[in-house]
Amino acid sequence: MYEFTREKLRGLMAEKGIKQIDLADELDISMSAMNSKMLGKTEFTLKEIKEIARVFNVEFIITQTQK
């Protein structure tokens, strides 16, 4: 089980050879939206995190942080 972070997601993507465009397609979002999420400009939704977990066959712990 992993804590969901952008860094962990980048690592999983590298490990599995999945590009941002491929994940954007899986999440049914634009490449622009995916890029914003990967850069931390916008947050992933809970639904998107659940889909990411399914794609990578992992479980995430989701923590709430204050900004």
N, C-alpha and C. Protein backbone atom coordinates (compact mmCIF):
# COMPACT_ATOMS: atom_id res chain seq x y z
N MET A 1 0.85 -1.17 0.00
CA MET A 1 0.00 0.00 0.00
C MET A 1 0.90 1.24 0.00
N TYR A 2 0.56 2.19 -0.83
CA TYR A 2 1.37 3.39 -1.00
C TYR A 2 0.57 4.64 -0.63
N GLU A 3 1.26 5.64 -0.10
CA GLU A 3 0.63 6.95 0.05
C GLU A 3 0.62 7.58 -1.34
N PHE A 4 -0.51 8.14 -1.74
CA PHE A 4 -0.59 8.73 -3.07
C PHE A 4 0.13 10.06 -3.09
N THR A 5 1.18 10.13 -3.91
CA THR A 5 1.90 11.37 -4.16
C THR A 5 2.23 11.43 -5.64
N ARG A 6 2.45 12.62 -6.13
CA ARG A 6 2.85 12.77 -7.54
C ARG A 6 4.18 12.07 -7.80
N GLU A 7 5.07 12.13 -6.81
CA GLU A 7 6.37 11.48 -6.97
C GLU A 7 6.21 9.97 -7.09
N LYS A 8 5.33 9.41 -6.28
CA LYS A 8 5.08 7.96 -6.36
C LYS A 8 4.45 7.61 -7.69
N LEU A 9 3.53 8.45 -8.15
CA LEU A 9 2.90 8.22 -9.45
C LEU A 9 3.94 8.27 -10.57
N ARG A 10 4.83 9.25 -10.52
CA ARG A 10 5.89 9.32 -11.53
C ARG A 10 6.75 8.06 -11.53
N GLY A 11 7.06 7.56 -10.33
CA GLY A 11 7.85 6.34 -10.21
C GLY A 11 7.13 5.14 -10.80
N LEU A 12 5.84 5.01 -10.51
CA LEU A 12 5.05 3.90 -11.06
C LEU A 12 4.97 4.00 -12.57
N MET A 13 4.80 5.21 -13.07
CA MET A 13 4.72 5.40 -14.53
C MET A 13 6.03 5.00 -15.19
N ALA A 14 7.15 5.40 -14.60
CA ALA A 14 8.46 5.04 -15.14
C ALA A 14 8.68 3.53 -15.09
N GLU A 15 8.32 2.93 -13.97
CA GLU A 15 8.48 1.49 -13.77
C GLU A 15 7.69 0.68 -14.79
N LYS A 16 6.48 1.14 -15.09
CA LYS A 16 5.60 0.41 -16.00
C LYS A 16 5.68 0.91 -17.44
N GLY A 17 6.46 1.97 -17.69
CA GLY A 17 6.60 2.50 -19.04
C GLY A 17 5.32 3.17 -19.54
N ILE A 18 4.56 3.76 -18.64
CA ILE A 18 3.32 4.44 -19.01
C ILE A 18 3.58 5.93 -19.10
N LYS A 19 3.22 6.51 -20.22
CA LYS A 19 3.42 7.95 -20.44
C LYS A 19 2.20 8.72 -19.95
N GLN A 20 2.40 10.03 -19.75
CA GLN A 20 1.31 10.88 -19.28
C GLN A 20 0.11 10.80 -20.22
N ILE A 21 0.34 10.79 -21.51
CA ILE A 21 -0.77 10.75 -22.48
C ILE A 21 -1.56 9.46 -22.32
N ASP A 22 -0.87 8.36 -22.04
CA ASP A 22 -1.55 7.07 -21.84
C ASP A 22 -2.43 7.12 -20.59
N LEU A 23 -1.90 7.68 -19.52
CA LEU A 23 -2.66 7.77 -18.28
C LEU A 23 -3.82 8.75 -18.44
N ALA A 24 -3.59 9.85 -19.15
CA ALA A 24 -4.67 10.81 -19.41
C ALA A 24 -5.81 10.12 -20.14
N ASP A 25 -5.49 9.27 -21.10
CA ASP A 25 -6.52 8.52 -21.82
C ASP A 25 -7.28 7.60 -20.87
N GLU A 26 -6.57 6.91 -20.00
CA GLU A 26 -7.22 6.02 -19.02
C GLU A 26 -8.16 6.79 -18.09
N LEU A 27 -7.77 8.02 -17.76
CA LEU A 27 -8.56 8.83 -16.84
C LEU A 27 -9.63 9.64 -17.57
N ASP A 28 -9.59 9.59 -18.88
CA ASP A 28 -10.54 10.34 -19.72
C ASP A 28 -10.45 11.84 -19.46
N ILE A 29 -9.19 12.33 -19.40
CA ILE A 29 -8.94 13.75 -19.25
C ILE A 29 -7.99 14.19 -20.35
N SER A 30 -7.94 15.49 -20.59
CA SER A 30 -7.05 16.02 -21.63
C SER A 30 -5.59 15.95 -21.16
N MET A 31 -4.69 16.03 -22.12
CA MET A 31 -3.27 16.04 -21.79
C MET A 31 -2.94 17.30 -20.99
N SER A 32 -3.61 18.40 -21.30
CA SER A 32 -3.41 19.65 -20.57
C SER A 32 -3.81 19.48 -19.10
N ALA A 33 -4.96 18.84 -18.86
CA ALA A 33 -5.41 18.60 -17.49
C ALA A 33 -4.44 17.68 -16.76
N MET A 34 -3.97 16.65 -17.46
CA MET A 34 -3.02 15.71 -16.86
C MET A 34 -1.74 16.43 -16.48
N ASN A 35 -1.25 17.27 -17.36
CA ASN A 35 -0.02 18.01 -17.10
C ASN A 35 -0.20 18.92 -15.87
N SER A 36 -1.34 19.59 -15.78
CA SER A 36 -1.61 20.46 -14.62
C SER A 36 -1.62 19.66 -13.33
N LYS A 37 -2.18 18.47 -13.37
CA LYS A 37 -2.23 17.62 -12.18
C LYS A 37 -0.83 17.13 -11.81
N MET A 38 -0.05 16.74 -12.80
CA MET A 38 1.31 16.25 -12.54
C MET A 38 2.22 17.36 -12.00
N LEU A 39 1.95 18.60 -12.40
CA LEU A 39 2.74 19.73 -11.92
C LEU A 39 2.23 20.29 -10.60
N GLY A 40 1.10 19.76 -10.11
CA GLY A 40 0.57 20.21 -8.84
C GLY A 40 -0.27 21.48 -8.93
N LYS A 41 -0.60 21.89 -10.14
CA LYS A 41 -1.43 23.08 -10.32
C LYS A 41 -2.89 22.79 -9.97
N THR A 42 -3.33 21.56 -10.21
CA THR A 42 -4.66 21.10 -9.82
C THR A 42 -4.50 19.73 -9.16
N GLU A 43 -5.50 19.34 -8.41
CA GLU A 43 -5.45 18.08 -7.68
C GLU A 43 -6.14 16.96 -8.45
N PHE A 44 -5.68 15.74 -8.23
CA PHE A 44 -6.38 14.57 -8.73
C PHE A 44 -7.65 14.39 -7.91
N THR A 45 -8.73 14.00 -8.55
CA THR A 45 -9.96 13.70 -7.83
C THR A 45 -9.84 12.31 -7.21
N LEU A 46 -10.70 12.02 -6.24
CA LEU A 46 -10.71 10.69 -5.64
C LEU A 46 -11.01 9.63 -6.70
N LYS A 47 -11.92 9.94 -7.60
CA LYS A 47 -12.25 9.01 -8.68
C LYS A 47 -11.01 8.74 -9.55
N GLU A 48 -10.25 9.78 -9.85
CA GLU A 48 -9.04 9.60 -10.66
C GLU A 48 -7.99 8.78 -9.91
N ILE A 49 -7.84 9.01 -8.62
CA ILE A 49 -6.88 8.24 -7.83
C ILE A 49 -7.27 6.77 -7.80
N LYS A 50 -8.56 6.51 -7.66
CA LYS A 50 -9.02 5.11 -7.68
C LYS A 50 -8.74 4.46 -9.03
N GLU A 51 -8.91 5.20 -10.11
CA GLU A 51 -8.63 4.67 -11.45
C GLU A 51 -7.14 4.44 -11.63
N ILE A 52 -6.32 5.34 -11.12
CA ILE A 52 -4.87 5.17 -11.19
C ILE A 52 -4.46 3.90 -10.44
N ALA A 53 -5.05 3.69 -9.27
CA ALA A 53 -4.75 2.48 -8.49
C ALA A 53 -5.12 1.24 -9.29
N ARG A 54 -6.24 1.28 -10.00
CA ARG A 54 -6.66 0.14 -10.81
C ARG A 54 -5.68 -0.09 -11.96
N VAL A 55 -5.29 0.98 -12.63
CA VAL A 55 -4.37 0.87 -13.77
C VAL A 55 -3.05 0.23 -13.34
N PHE A 56 -2.54 0.65 -12.18
CA PHE A 56 -1.24 0.15 -11.72
C PHE A 56 -1.36 -1.05 -10.78
N ASN A 57 -2.59 -1.48 -10.51
CA ASN A 57 -2.83 -2.62 -9.65
C ASN A 57 -2.15 -2.45 -8.28
N VAL A 58 -2.39 -1.28 -7.68
CA VAL A 58 -1.86 -0.97 -6.35
C VAL A 58 -2.98 -0.39 -5.50
N GLU A 59 -2.72 -0.29 -4.21
CA GLU A 59 -3.63 0.39 -3.29
C GLU A 59 -2.93 1.63 -2.78
N PHE A 60 -3.68 2.70 -2.66
CA PHE A 60 -3.13 3.95 -2.14
C PHE A 60 -3.78 4.31 -0.82
N ILE A 61 -2.99 4.90 0.06
CA ILE A 61 -3.50 5.58 1.23
C ILE A 61 -3.64 7.04 0.84
N ILE A 62 -4.79 7.60 1.08
CA ILE A 62 -5.03 8.98 0.68
C ILE A 62 -5.08 9.83 1.94
N THR A 63 -4.19 10.82 2.02
CA THR A 63 -4.16 11.71 3.16
C THR A 63 -4.55 13.10 2.71
N GLN A 64 -5.15 13.85 3.60
CA GLN A 64 -5.54 15.22 3.28
C GLN A 64 -4.49 16.14 3.84
N THR A 65 -4.04 17.08 3.01
CA THR A 65 -3.06 18.06 3.46
C THR A 65 -3.66 19.45 3.38
N GLN A 66 -3.18 20.31 4.23
CA GLN A 66 -3.63 21.70 4.20
C GLN A 66 -2.70 22.50 3.32
N LYS A 67 -3.27 23.48 2.63
CA LYS A 67 -2.44 24.35 1.79
C LYS A 67 -2.30 25.68 2.45
